[in-house]
Amino acid sequence: MLQPEEQIALAAKLLKVTIEVVQENCGFIGLNKALYYCNSVKGGDALMVGQDGTVLFADSSVGYNKHLYEFQQGRRTPLEAFA
């Protein structure tokens, strides 16, 4: 299980942004303690990082509720997709 600072570091690494950028634009989702990062500009991206290190990426066309629903349903983005 990843600790919150590890979830933040993973998001920063995958999205190629600084840890500070992630910290300024993230929060943790209640029961499943997933990190939710969102770049709220038009065309921005969003990422959910589970405590198990799995992630789900979305772009600005996907709203928070749909993104969360898909994450809770088990949909994930392969880590290799961020290479």
PDB file of N, CA and C in Angstrom:
ATOM      1  N   MET A   1       0.836  -1.189   0.000  1.00  0.00           N
ATOM      2  CA  MET A   1       0.000   0.000   0.000  1.00  0.00           C
ATOM      3  C   MET A   1       0.875   1.244   0.000  1.00  0.00           C
ATOM      4  N   LEU A   2       0.603   2.118  -0.948  1.00  0.00           N
ATOM      5  CA  LEU A   2       1.355   3.366  -1.026  1.00  0.00           C
ATOM      6  C   LEU A   2       0.873   4.348   0.034  1.00  0.00           C
ATOM      7  N   GLN A   3       1.809   5.091   0.567  1.00  0.00           N
ATOM      8  CA  GLN A   3       1.493   6.187   1.476  1.00  0.00           C
ATOM      9  C   GLN A   3       1.122   7.405   0.630  1.00  0.00           C
ATOM     10  N   PRO A   4       0.418   8.384   1.200  1.00  0.00           N
ATOM     11  CA  PRO A   4       0.008   9.553   0.421  1.00  0.00           C
ATOM     12  C   PRO A   4       1.156  10.238  -0.324  1.00  0.00           C
ATOM     13  N   GLU A   5       2.300  10.379   0.310  1.00  0.00           N
ATOM     14  CA  GLU A   5       3.419  11.044  -0.366  1.00  0.00           C
ATOM     15  C   GLU A   5       3.934  10.218  -1.539  1.00  0.00           C
ATOM     16  N   GLU A   6       3.791   8.889  -1.466  1.00  0.00           N
ATOM     17  CA  GLU A   6       4.183   8.032  -2.582  1.00  0.00           C
ATOM     18  C   GLU A   6       3.179   8.144  -3.727  1.00  0.00           C
ATOM     19  N   GLN A   7       1.896   8.279  -3.406  1.00  0.00           N
ATOM     20  CA  GLN A   7       0.883   8.487  -4.441  1.00  0.00           C
ATOM     21  C   GLN A   7       1.146   9.802  -5.172  1.00  0.00           C
ATOM     22  N   ILE A   8       1.490  10.834  -4.422  1.00  0.00           N
ATOM     23  CA  ILE A   8       1.794  12.137  -5.017  1.00  0.00           C
ATOM     24  C   ILE A   8       3.020  12.026  -5.922  1.00  0.00           C
ATOM     25  N   ALA A   9       4.058  11.360  -5.452  1.00  0.00           N
ATOM     26  CA  ALA A   9       5.277  11.203  -6.242  1.00  0.00           C
ATOM     27  C   ALA A   9       5.009  10.410  -7.521  1.00  0.00           C
ATOM     28  N   LEU A  10       4.183   9.380  -7.439  1.00  0.00           N
ATOM     29  CA  LEU A  10       3.853   8.594  -8.625  1.00  0.00           C
ATOM     30  C   LEU A  10       3.093   9.443  -9.639  1.00  0.00           C
ATOM     31  N   ALA A  11       2.127  10.212  -9.192  1.00  0.00           N
ATOM     32  CA  ALA A  11       1.383  11.093 -10.096  1.00  0.00           C
ATOM     33  C   ALA A  11       2.325  12.081 -10.777  1.00  0.00           C
ATOM     34  N   ALA A  12       3.224  12.679 -10.018  1.00  0.00           N
ATOM     35  CA  ALA A  12       4.177  13.643 -10.582  1.00  0.00           C
ATOM     36  C   ALA A  12       5.053  12.976 -11.644  1.00  0.00           C
ATOM     37  N   LYS A  13       5.537  11.786 -11.341  1.00  0.00           N
ATOM     38  CA  LYS A  13       6.395  11.063 -12.288  1.00  0.00           C
ATOM     39  C   LYS A  13       5.645  10.733 -13.575  1.00  0.00           C
ATOM     40  N   LEU A  14       4.442  10.182 -13.446  1.00  0.00           N
ATOM     41  CA  LEU A  14       3.685   9.764 -14.630  1.00  0.00           C
ATOM     42  C   LEU A  14       3.274  10.941 -15.499  1.00  0.00           C
ATOM     43  N   LEU A  15       2.905  12.053 -14.869  1.00  0.00           N
ATOM     44  CA  LEU A  15       2.421  13.217 -15.621  1.00  0.00           C
ATOM     45  C   LEU A  15       3.538  14.189 -15.983  1.00  0.00           C
ATOM     46  N   LYS A  16       4.752  13.886 -15.499  1.00  0.00           N
ATOM     47  CA  LYS A  16       5.921  14.714 -15.788  1.00  0.00           C
ATOM     48  C   LYS A  16       5.728  16.160 -15.311  1.00  0.00           C
ATOM     49  N   VAL A  17       5.257  16.275 -14.081  1.00  0.00           N
ATOM     50  CA  VAL A  17       5.125  17.571 -13.412  1.00  0.00           C
ATOM     51  C   VAL A  17       5.836  17.470 -12.068  1.00  0.00           C
ATOM     52  N   THR A  18       5.992  18.584 -11.400  1.00  0.00           N
ATOM     53  CA  THR A  18       6.666  18.561 -10.108  1.00  0.00           C
ATOM     54  C   THR A  18       5.727  18.066  -9.010  1.00  0.00           C
ATOM     55  N   ILE A  19       6.326  17.621  -7.939  1.00  0.00           N
ATOM     56  CA  ILE A  19       5.551  17.199  -6.769  1.00  0.00           C
ATOM     57  C   ILE A  19       4.722  18.363  -6.259  1.00  0.00           C
ATOM     58  N   GLU A  20       5.275  19.569  -6.313  1.00  0.00           N
ATOM     59  CA  GLU A  20       4.547  20.749  -5.846  1.00  0.00           C
ATOM     60  C   GLU A  20       3.287  21.007  -6.669  1.00  0.00           C
ATOM     61  N   VAL A  21       3.367  20.799  -7.969  1.00  0.00           N
ATOM     62  CA  VAL A  21       2.190  20.979  -8.832  1.00  0.00           C
ATOM     63  C   VAL A  21       1.106  19.984  -8.441  1.00  0.00           C
ATOM     64  N   VAL A  22       1.489  18.753  -8.212  1.00  0.00           N
ATOM     65  CA  VAL A  22       0.507  17.742  -7.803  1.00  0.00           C
ATOM     66  C   VAL A  22      -0.085  18.119  -6.448  1.00  0.00           C
ATOM     67  N   GLN A  23       0.755  18.495  -5.495  1.00  0.00           N
ATOM     68  CA  GLN A  23       0.267  18.849  -4.161  1.00  0.00           C
ATOM     69  C   GLN A  23      -0.736  19.994  -4.205  1.00  0.00           C
ATOM     70  N   GLU A  24      -0.510  20.960  -5.080  1.00  0.00           N
ATOM     71  CA  GLU A  24      -1.394  22.124  -5.186  1.00  0.00           C
ATOM     72  C   GLU A  24      -2.726  21.805  -5.854  1.00  0.00           C
ATOM     73  N   ASN A  25      -2.782  20.700  -6.586  1.00  0.00           N
ATOM     74  CA  ASN A  25      -3.963  20.395  -7.403  1.00  0.00           C
ATOM     75  C   ASN A  25      -4.530  19.008  -7.125  1.00  0.00           C
ATOM     76  N   CYS A  26      -4.389  18.527  -5.898  1.00  0.00           N
ATOM     77  CA  CYS A  26      -4.880  17.187  -5.613  1.00  0.00           C
ATOM     78  C   CYS A  26      -5.639  17.143  -4.299  1.00  0.00           C
ATOM     79  N   GLY A  27      -6.322  16.047  -4.128  1.00  0.00           N
ATOM     80  CA  GLY A  27      -7.019  15.749  -2.888  1.00  0.00           C
ATOM     81  C   GLY A  27      -7.150  14.243  -2.800  1.00  0.00           C
ATOM     82  N   PHE A  28      -7.587  13.779  -1.657  1.00  0.00           N
ATOM     83  CA  PHE A  28      -7.762  12.343  -1.472  1.00  0.00           C
ATOM     84  C   PHE A  28      -9.244  12.027  -1.380  1.00  0.00           C
ATOM     85  N   ILE A  29      -9.635  10.949  -2.045  1.00  0.00           N
ATOM     86  CA  ILE A  29     -11.026  10.558  -2.137  1.00  0.00           C
ATOM     87  C   ILE A  29     -11.350   9.617  -0.982  1.00  0.00           C
ATOM     88  N   GLY A  30     -12.277  10.029  -0.161  1.00  0.00           N
ATOM     89  CA  GLY A  30     -12.781   9.333   1.005  1.00  0.00           C
ATOM     90  C   GLY A  30     -12.428   7.890   1.244  1.00  0.00           C
ATOM     91  N   LEU A  31     -13.364   7.011   1.010  1.00  0.00           N
ATOM     92  CA  LEU A  31     -13.246   5.617   1.433  1.00  0.00           C
ATOM     93  C   LEU A  31     -12.076   4.866   0.821  1.00  0.00           C
ATOM     94  N   ASN A  32     -11.821   5.073  -0.454  1.00  0.00           N
ATOM     95  CA  ASN A  32     -10.750   4.297  -1.078  1.00  0.00           C
ATOM     96  C   ASN A  32      -9.396   4.983  -0.992  1.00  0.00           C
ATOM     97  N   LYS A  33      -9.340   6.190  -0.435  1.00  0.00           N
ATOM     98  CA  LYS A  33      -8.091   6.921  -0.203  1.00  0.00           C
ATOM     99  C   LYS A  33      -7.249   7.056  -1.462  1.00  0.00           C
ATOM    100  N   ALA A  34      -7.906   7.149  -2.604  1.00  0.00           N
ATOM    101  CA  ALA A  34      -7.190   7.379  -3.844  1.00  0.00           C
ATOM    102  C   ALA A  34      -6.859   8.859  -3.949  1.00  0.00           C
ATOM    103  N   LEU A  35      -5.745   9.141  -4.565  1.00  0.00           N
ATOM    104  CA  LEU A  35      -5.367  10.517  -4.850  1.00  0.00           C
ATOM    105  C   LEU A  35      -6.090  10.944  -6.120  1.00  0.00           C
ATOM    106  N   TYR A  36      -6.619  12.144  -6.116  1.00  0.00           N
ATOM    107  CA  TYR A  36      -7.228  12.695  -7.323  1.00  0.00           C
ATOM    108  C   TYR A  36      -6.492  13.975  -7.666  1.00  0.00           C
ATOM    109  N   TYR A  37      -5.830  13.979  -8.816  1.00  0.00           N
ATOM    110  CA  TYR A  37      -5.128  15.157  -9.320  1.00  0.00           C
ATOM    111  C   TYR A  37      -5.877  15.673 -10.530  1.00  0.00           C
ATOM    112  N   CYS A  38      -6.017  16.986 -10.613  1.00  0.00           N
ATOM    113  CA  CYS A  38      -6.697  17.572 -11.767  1.00  0.00           C
ATOM    114  C   CYS A  38      -6.024  18.876 -12.168  1.00  0.00           C
ATOM    115  N   ASN A  39      -5.701  18.966 -13.443  1.00  0.00           N
ATOM    116  CA  ASN A  39      -5.239  20.205 -14.044  1.00  0.00           C
ATOM    117  C   ASN A  39      -6.487  20.809 -14.678  1.00  0.00           C
ATOM    118  N   SER A  40      -7.047  21.822 -14.036  1.00  0.00           N
ATOM    119  CA  SER A  40      -8.389  22.287 -14.391  1.00  0.00           C
ATOM    120  C   SER A  40      -8.463  23.208 -15.596  1.00  0.00           C
ATOM    121  N   VAL A  41      -7.373  23.440 -16.306  1.00  0.00           N
ATOM    122  CA  VAL A  41      -7.445  24.258 -17.510  1.00  0.00           C
ATOM    123  C   VAL A  41      -8.100  23.464 -18.629  1.00  0.00           C
ATOM    124  N   LYS A  42      -8.650  24.177 -19.610  1.00  0.00           N
ATOM    125  CA  LYS A  42      -9.256  23.488 -20.744  1.00  0.00           C
ATOM    126  C   LYS A  42      -8.194  22.641 -21.449  1.00  0.00           C
ATOM    127  N   GLY A  43      -8.527  21.387 -21.678  1.00  0.00           N
ATOM    128  CA  GLY A  43      -7.570  20.459 -22.270  1.00  0.00           C
ATOM    129  C   GLY A  43      -6.653  19.823 -21.236  1.00  0.00           C
ATOM    130  N   GLY A  44      -6.913  20.107 -19.965  1.00  0.00           N
ATOM    131  CA  GLY A  44      -6.087  19.571 -18.881  1.00  0.00           C
ATOM    132  C   GLY A  44      -6.334  18.092 -18.672  1.00  0.00           C
ATOM    133  N   ASP A  45      -5.569  17.540 -17.758  1.00  0.00           N
ATOM    134  CA  ASP A  45      -5.681  16.121 -17.487  1.00  0.00           C
ATOM    135  C   ASP A  45      -6.007  15.872 -16.028  1.00  0.00           C
ATOM    136  N   ALA A  46      -6.441  14.660 -15.761  1.00  0.00           N
ATOM    137  CA  ALA A  46      -6.770  14.247 -14.395  1.00  0.00           C
ATOM    138  C   ALA A  46      -6.247  12.830 -14.210  1.00  0.00           C
ATOM    139  N   LEU A  47      -5.874  12.535 -12.971  1.00  0.00           N
ATOM    140  CA  LEU A  47      -5.334  11.214 -12.674  1.00  0.00           C
ATOM    141  C   LEU A  47      -5.788  10.792 -11.295  1.00  0.00           C
ATOM    142  N   MET A  48      -6.226   9.551 -11.189  1.00  0.00           N
ATOM    143  CA  MET A  48      -6.519   8.948  -9.899  1.00  0.00           C
ATOM    144  C   MET A  48      -5.449   7.899  -9.647  1.00  0.00           C
ATOM    145  N   VAL A  49      -4.899   7.911  -8.432  1.00  0.00           N
ATOM    146  CA  VAL A  49      -3.855   6.972  -8.044  1.00  0.00           C
ATOM    147  C   VAL A  49      -4.331   6.226  -6.810  1.00  0.00           C
ATOM    148  N   GLY A  50      -4.541   4.932  -6.951  1.00  0.00           N
ATOM    149  CA  GLY A  50      -4.976   4.120  -5.829  1.00  0.00           C
ATOM    150  C   GLY A  50      -3.832   3.816  -4.880  1.00  0.00           C
ATOM    151  N   GLN A  51      -4.173   3.393  -3.680  1.00  0.00           N
ATOM    152  CA  GLN A  51      -3.151   3.011  -2.706  1.00  0.00           C
ATOM    153  C   GLN A  51      -2.332   1.821  -3.187  1.00  0.00           C
ATOM    154  N   ASP A  52      -2.879   1.069  -4.131  1.00  0.00           N
ATOM    155  CA  ASP A  52      -2.163  -0.089  -4.667  1.00  0.00           C
ATOM    156  C   ASP A  52      -1.236   0.270  -5.822  1.00  0.00           C
ATOM    157  N   GLY A  53      -1.171   1.563  -6.173  1.00  0.00           N
ATOM    158  CA  GLY A  53      -0.283   2.019  -7.235  1.00  0.00           C
ATOM    159  C   GLY A  53      -0.881   1.956  -8.621  1.00  0.00           C
ATOM    160  N   THR A  54      -2.140   1.532  -8.744  1.00  0.00           N
ATOM    161  CA  THR A  54      -2.797   1.549 -10.047  1.00  0.00           C
ATOM    162  C   THR A  54      -3.373   2.937 -10.285  1.00  0.00           C
ATOM    163  N   VAL A  55      -3.541   3.276 -11.567  1.00  0.00           N
ATOM    164  CA  VAL A  55      -3.975   4.630 -11.921  1.00  0.00           C
ATOM    165  C   VAL A  55      -5.051   4.595 -12.998  1.00  0.00           C
ATOM    166  N   LEU A  56      -5.791   5.696 -13.063  1.00  0.00           N
ATOM    167  CA  LEU A  56      -6.737   5.904 -14.157  1.00  0.00           C
ATOM    168  C   LEU A  56      -6.588   7.342 -14.620  1.00  0.00           C
ATOM    169  N   PHE A  57      -6.178   7.497 -15.865  1.00  0.00           N
ATOM    170  CA  PHE A  57      -5.984   8.801 -16.486  1.00  0.00           C
ATOM    171  C   PHE A  57      -7.258   9.225 -17.201  1.00  0.00           C
ATOM    172  N   ALA A  58      -7.524  10.514 -17.216  1.00  0.00           N
ATOM    173  CA  ALA A  58      -8.647  11.063 -17.993  1.00  0.00           C
ATOM    174  C   ALA A  58      -8.250  12.447 -18.483  1.00  0.00           C
ATOM    175  N   ASP A  59      -8.844  12.855 -19.587  1.00  0.00           N
ATOM    176  CA  ASP A  59      -8.621  14.231 -20.041  1.00  0.00           C
ATOM    177  C   ASP A  59      -9.811  15.090 -19.636  1.00  0.00           C
ATOM    178  N   SER A  60      -9.783  16.351 -20.032  1.00  0.00           N
ATOM    179  CA  SER A  60     -10.801  17.287 -19.563  1.00  0.00           C
ATOM    180  C   SER A  60     -12.209  16.973 -20.067  1.00  0.00           C
ATOM    181  N   SER A  61     -12.323  16.091 -21.045  1.00  0.00           N
ATOM    182  CA  SER A  61     -13.656  15.755 -21.547  1.00  0.00           C
ATOM    183  C   SER A  61     -14.407  14.814 -20.605  1.00  0.00           C
ATOM    184  N   VAL A  62     -13.687  14.229 -19.653  1.00  0.00           N
ATOM    185  CA  VAL A  62     -14.295  13.299 -18.707  1.00  0.00           C
ATOM    186  C   VAL A  62     -14.490  14.038 -17.386  1.00  0.00           C
ATOM    187  N   GLY A  63     -15.702  14.152 -16.946  1.00  0.00           N
ATOM    188  CA  GLY A  63     -15.977  14.827 -15.682  1.00  0.00           C
ATOM    189  C   GLY A  63     -15.548  13.998 -14.485  1.00  0.00           C
ATOM    190  N   TYR A  64     -15.470  14.660 -13.333  1.00  0.00           N
ATOM    191  CA  TYR A  64     -15.042  13.995 -12.106  1.00  0.00           C
ATOM    192  C   TYR A  64     -15.927  12.787 -11.781  1.00  0.00           C
ATOM    193  N   ASN A  65     -17.230  12.940 -11.848  1.00  0.00           N
ATOM    194  CA  ASN A  65     -18.120  11.837 -11.458  1.00  0.00           C
ATOM    195  C   ASN A  65     -17.910  10.601 -12.324  1.00  0.00           C
ATOM    196  N   LYS A  66     -17.766  10.785 -13.628  1.00  0.00           N
ATOM    197  CA  LYS A  66     -17.529   9.641 -14.517  1.00  0.00           C
ATOM    198  C   LYS A  66     -16.153   9.039 -14.253  1.00  0.00           C
ATOM    199  N   HIS A  67     -15.178   9.886 -14.039  1.00  0.00           N
ATOM    200  CA  HIS A  67     -13.820   9.422 -13.746  1.00  0.00           C
ATOM    201  C   HIS A  67     -13.831   8.566 -12.467  1.00  0.00           C
ATOM    202  N   LEU A  68     -14.457   9.073 -11.429  1.00  0.00           N
ATOM    203  CA  LEU A  68     -14.542   8.339 -10.168  1.00  0.00           C
ATOM    204  C   LEU A  68     -15.303   7.028 -10.348  1.00  0.00           C
ATOM    205  N   TYR A  69     -16.409   7.072 -11.069  1.00  0.00           N
ATOM    206  CA  TYR A  69     -17.201   5.861 -11.305  1.00  0.00           C
ATOM    207  C   TYR A  69     -16.351   4.790 -11.992  1.00  0.00           C
ATOM    208  N   GLU A  70     -15.653   5.181 -13.041  1.00  0.00           N
ATOM    209  CA  GLU A  70     -14.825   4.218 -13.780  1.00  0.00           C
ATOM    210  C   GLU A  70     -13.711   3.660 -12.897  1.00  0.00           C
ATOM    211  N   PHE A  71     -13.118   4.507 -12.058  1.00  0.00           N
ATOM    212  CA  PHE A  71     -12.077   4.049 -11.135  1.00  0.00           C
ATOM    213  C   PHE A  71     -12.650   3.037 -10.157  1.00  0.00           C
ATOM    214  N   GLN A  72     -13.810   3.343  -9.616  1.00  0.00           N
ATOM    215  CA  GLN A  72     -14.443   2.428  -8.656  1.00  0.00           C
ATOM    216  C   GLN A  72     -14.866   1.119  -9.304  1.00  0.00           C
ATOM    217  N   GLN A  73     -15.135   1.151 -10.605  1.00  0.00           N
ATOM    218  CA  GLN A  73     -15.503  -0.066 -11.333  1.00  0.00           C
ATOM    219  C   GLN A  73     -14.287  -0.908 -11.704  1.00  0.00           C
ATOM    220  N   GLY A  74     -13.093  -0.390 -11.422  1.00  0.00           N
ATOM    221  CA  GLY A  74     -11.884  -1.158 -11.676  1.00  0.00           C
ATOM    222  C   GLY A  74     -11.156  -0.833 -12.961  1.00  0.00           C
ATOM    223  N   ARG A  75     -11.618   0.156 -13.699  1.00  0.00           N
ATOM    224  CA  ARG A  75     -10.935   0.523 -14.935  1.00  0.00           C
ATOM    225  C   ARG A  75      -9.607   1.186 -14.576  1.00  0.00           C
ATOM    226  N   ARG A  76      -8.540   0.818 -15.289  1.00  0.00           N
ATOM    227  CA  ARG A  76      -7.215   1.354 -15.022  1.00  0.00           C
ATOM    228  C   ARG A  76      -6.477   1.653 -16.328  1.00  0.00           C
ATOM    229  N   THR A  77      -5.528   2.561 -16.230  1.00  0.00           N
ATOM    230  CA  THR A  77      -4.637   2.874 -17.346  1.00  0.00           C
ATOM    231  C   THR A  77      -3.318   2.158 -17.091  1.00  0.00           C
ATOM    232  N   PRO A  78      -2.829   1.396 -18.044  1.00  0.00           N
ATOM    233  CA  PRO A  78      -1.542   0.717 -17.838  1.00  0.00           C
ATOM    234  C   PRO A  78      -0.432   1.746 -17.610  1.00  0.00           C
ATOM    235  N   LEU A  79       0.458   1.465 -16.673  1.00  0.00           N
ATOM    236  CA  LEU A  79       1.551   2.388 -16.389  1.00  0.00           C
ATOM    237  C   LEU A  79       2.439   2.600 -17.611  1.00  0.00           C
ATOM    238  N   GLU A  80       2.509   1.604 -18.475  1.00  0.00           N
ATOM    239  CA  GLU A  80       3.319   1.720 -19.693  1.00  0.00           C
ATOM    240  C   GLU A  80       2.816   2.800 -20.631  1.00  0.00           C
ATOM    241  N   ALA A  81       1.562   3.189 -20.486  1.00  0.00           N
ATOM    242  CA  ALA A  81       0.973   4.217 -21.355  1.00  0.00           C
ATOM    243  C   ALA A  81       1.597   5.591 -21.103  1.00  0.00           C
ATOM    244  N   PHE A  82       2.302   5.744 -20.003  1.00  0.00           N
ATOM    245  CA  PHE A  82       2.896   7.039 -19.664  1.00  0.00           C
ATOM    246  C   PHE A  82       4.341   7.183 -20.122  1.00  0.00           C
ATOM    247  N   ALA A  83       4.863   6.178 -20.808  1.00  0.00           N
ATOM    248  CA  ALA A  83       6.276   6.204 -21.230  1.00  0.00           C
ATOM    249  C   ALA A  83       6.556   7.276 -22.250  1.00  0.00           C
TER     250      ALA A  83
END
